[in-house]
Amino acid sequence: MSELKKWPTRDGSKDRRDLIRFTLYLLIVMAVAYSLVHFVVSRSVVSGHSMERTLSDGDNLVVDKITYRFSDPQRFDIVIFPYLYKKNTYYIKRVIGLPGEKIQITEDGKILINDRVLKDDHGIAPIRDPGEASVPIRLGDDEYFVLGDNRNSSEDSRFSDVGRIKRGQILGRAVFRFYPFGSIGRIK
């Protein structure tokens, strides 16, 4: 005569403890992921050609959101900030002028910082339209002057719809391109 073996049964309280552990684990993972995305890094996609040669339309970037909580943006950093006149639109530009500096763009396209020509290898062509920077602009204690690298095809601090960027508007610094795969690397 054959004998049937009973399957071992589990205690119901152990099942509840396993479910509670799994739920806590899932909540911790979600909290860490949320914190990373909202306070440490985020992803941004470049739209447009204003930062070309450095960044191209469709580039996917990692944005460092934590560095500027402990230090100020530096000249030539590439920063992300919201466009004030259109919700959910963000600009990505290069910091040129720092707080307290005097900025001017000459008729021949040179950038002057405190009356000295800025040595800048980022722009791809001389600036044709200095905009409001045709006359000296004095930046406030928390203001930055930003330009796109493709200076003749960029809406930036030269024009009133962007203007000077306040320190509190800067969301982060673009640090790494992860797509397209052929261009993966640190952003300079």
Foldseek 3Di string as FASTA:
>chain_A
DDDDDDDDDDDPVVVVVVVVVVVVVVVVVVVVVVCCCQAAKHKDADQDPLQPPQDDHGWIFIWGQHPLVPPADDAQFWFKFAQVPDPPHIDTWGWHFAAFWKWAAACQQFIATNNHTDDDPQAPDRANDQACRNDIDTHHRFWTFTGHSPRNGTDTCSYPSHNIDGRVRTRGTTFWTPPPVVPTDTGD
